Every structure is written in C-alpha cells, then in structure tokens.
Amino acid sequence: MDFARQVQLARFPAGVVVTVRGTPEGRIFQAAQPGRGLELLLTTDAVKMYGEGPTVALALERLKKVSETGLPAVGDDGTYVRAVFVGD
C-alpha cells in the first residue's frame, strides 16, 4: 500500500499534514500543522526487527494520537520535537 493511502486510512485530524523522508538512520515521519509539529524517527534497526508493516502502522498511530491531543510548537529555530522508535 502506498504511503498516502496509509495516511488517508489513519484519519488524521483536519489540517494535519503527514510526510516521510529517508535518512541514513532510517525514516523520519512528520505530522505538522501551522506552527506545530512532531517528527518520529523510525530506525532501520526497528524496521528489520519488527517488520515494515507493523513499524509504519505504529509510527502513524503514534503521530495520530499526538495530533489529536495537540502537536508541540515548532522551535524558534524551525526544529520539531523528535521521538525515536528503535529496535531492541
């Protein structure tokens, strides 16, 4: 399933934009709305340990829960609060 479809099915609150980008450490999922947002780093080790589907589903679920309760403010320097999902 493509990422856009997964985000659509997760039913994020209105106005929340969810994106993903690759990094050497893994993938960074970002939920954002004007002036607010959260990043979740899903490490490559976590994907290897738990599998692609379950880790992406957990990342989206975590971002959705935070989005529903209120995303943290973006820092003055434009940085987002970041959570990390690592393999054991």
Protein backbone atom coordinates (compact mmCIF):
# COMPACT_ATOMS: atom_id res chain seq x y z
CA MET A 1 0.00 0.00 0.00
CA ASP A 2 1.33 3.45 -0.77
CA PHE A 3 2.13 5.92 1.97
CA ALA A 4 -0.51 8.50 1.00
CA ARG A 5 -3.20 5.82 1.22
CA GLN A 6 -1.94 4.69 4.64
CA VAL A 7 -2.13 8.27 5.91
CA GLN A 8 -5.62 8.66 4.47
CA LEU A 9 -6.79 5.47 6.18
CA ALA A 10 -5.27 6.58 9.50
CA ARG A 11 -7.69 9.56 9.51
CA PHE A 12 -5.54 12.29 10.97
CA PRO A 13 -7.29 15.40 12.28
CA ALA A 14 -8.16 18.04 9.68
CA GLY A 15 -5.25 20.31 8.80
CA VAL A 16 -2.52 17.86 9.82
CA VAL A 17 -0.09 17.06 7.01
CA VAL A 18 1.92 13.84 7.32
CA THR A 19 5.10 13.25 5.35
CA VAL A 20 8.00 10.81 5.38
CA ARG A 21 11.60 11.12 4.25
CA GLY A 22 14.59 8.80 4.33
CA THR A 23 17.80 9.43 6.24
CA PRO A 24 20.92 7.32 6.81
CA GLU A 25 19.49 6.34 10.24
CA GLY A 26 16.03 5.36 8.98
CA ARG A 27 12.87 7.24 8.08
CA ILE A 28 11.51 10.41 9.61
CA PHE A 29 7.73 10.65 9.76
CA GLN A 30 6.44 14.18 10.35
CA ALA A 31 2.99 15.38 11.37
CA ALA A 32 2.64 19.14 11.01
CA GLN A 33 0.19 21.98 11.01
CA PRO A 34 1.00 25.70 11.03
CA GLY A 35 3.46 26.41 13.85
CA ARG A 36 3.18 22.92 15.33
CA GLY A 37 4.59 19.50 14.59
CA LEU A 38 6.28 16.30 15.66
CA GLU A 39 8.86 14.08 14.00
CA LEU A 40 9.23 10.38 14.63
CA LEU A 41 12.46 8.68 13.59
CA LEU A 42 11.83 5.06 12.70
CA THR A 43 15.27 3.48 12.76
CA THR A 44 16.42 0.96 10.19
CA ASP A 45 17.07 -1.50 13.04
CA ALA A 46 13.47 -1.20 14.22
CA VAL A 47 12.17 -1.99 10.73
CA LYS A 48 14.48 -5.01 10.49
CA MET A 49 13.43 -6.25 13.92
CA TYR A 50 9.66 -5.72 13.77
CA GLY A 51 8.91 -5.62 10.04
CA GLU A 52 7.92 -2.90 7.60
CA GLY A 53 4.14 -3.02 8.02
CA PRO A 54 3.96 -3.07 11.82
CA THR A 55 6.53 -0.31 12.30
CA VAL A 56 4.92 2.06 9.80
CA ALA A 57 1.50 1.39 11.35
CA LEU A 58 2.89 2.14 14.83
CA ALA A 59 4.60 5.31 13.63
CA LEU A 60 1.39 6.60 12.07
CA GLU A 61 -0.67 5.65 15.13
CA ARG A 62 1.73 7.50 17.45
CA LEU A 63 1.66 10.61 15.27
CA LYS A 64 -2.13 10.47 15.09
CA LYS A 65 -2.51 10.26 18.88
CA VAL A 66 -0.24 13.26 19.40
CA SER A 67 -2.05 15.14 16.62
CA GLU A 68 -5.38 14.53 18.33
CA THR A 69 -4.15 15.81 21.70
CA GLY A 70 -2.12 18.70 20.27
CA LEU A 71 1.15 18.79 18.40
CA PRO A 72 4.03 20.56 20.16
CA ALA A 73 5.08 24.01 18.99
CA VAL A 74 7.83 24.24 16.41
CA GLY A 75 11.01 25.66 17.93
CA ASP A 76 12.11 29.24 17.26
CA ASP A 77 14.82 27.81 15.01
CA GLY A 78 12.25 25.82 12.99
CA THR A 79 13.04 22.44 14.54
CA TYR A 80 10.43 19.89 15.52
CA VAL A 81 10.27 17.82 18.68
CA ARG A 82 11.53 14.36 17.72
CA ALA A 83 10.65 10.95 19.11
CA VAL A 84 12.63 7.84 18.17
CA PHE A 85 11.44 4.26 17.55
CA VAL A 86 14.45 1.95 17.81
CA GLY A 87 14.98 -1.80 17.61
CA ASP A 88 15.90 -3.60 20.84
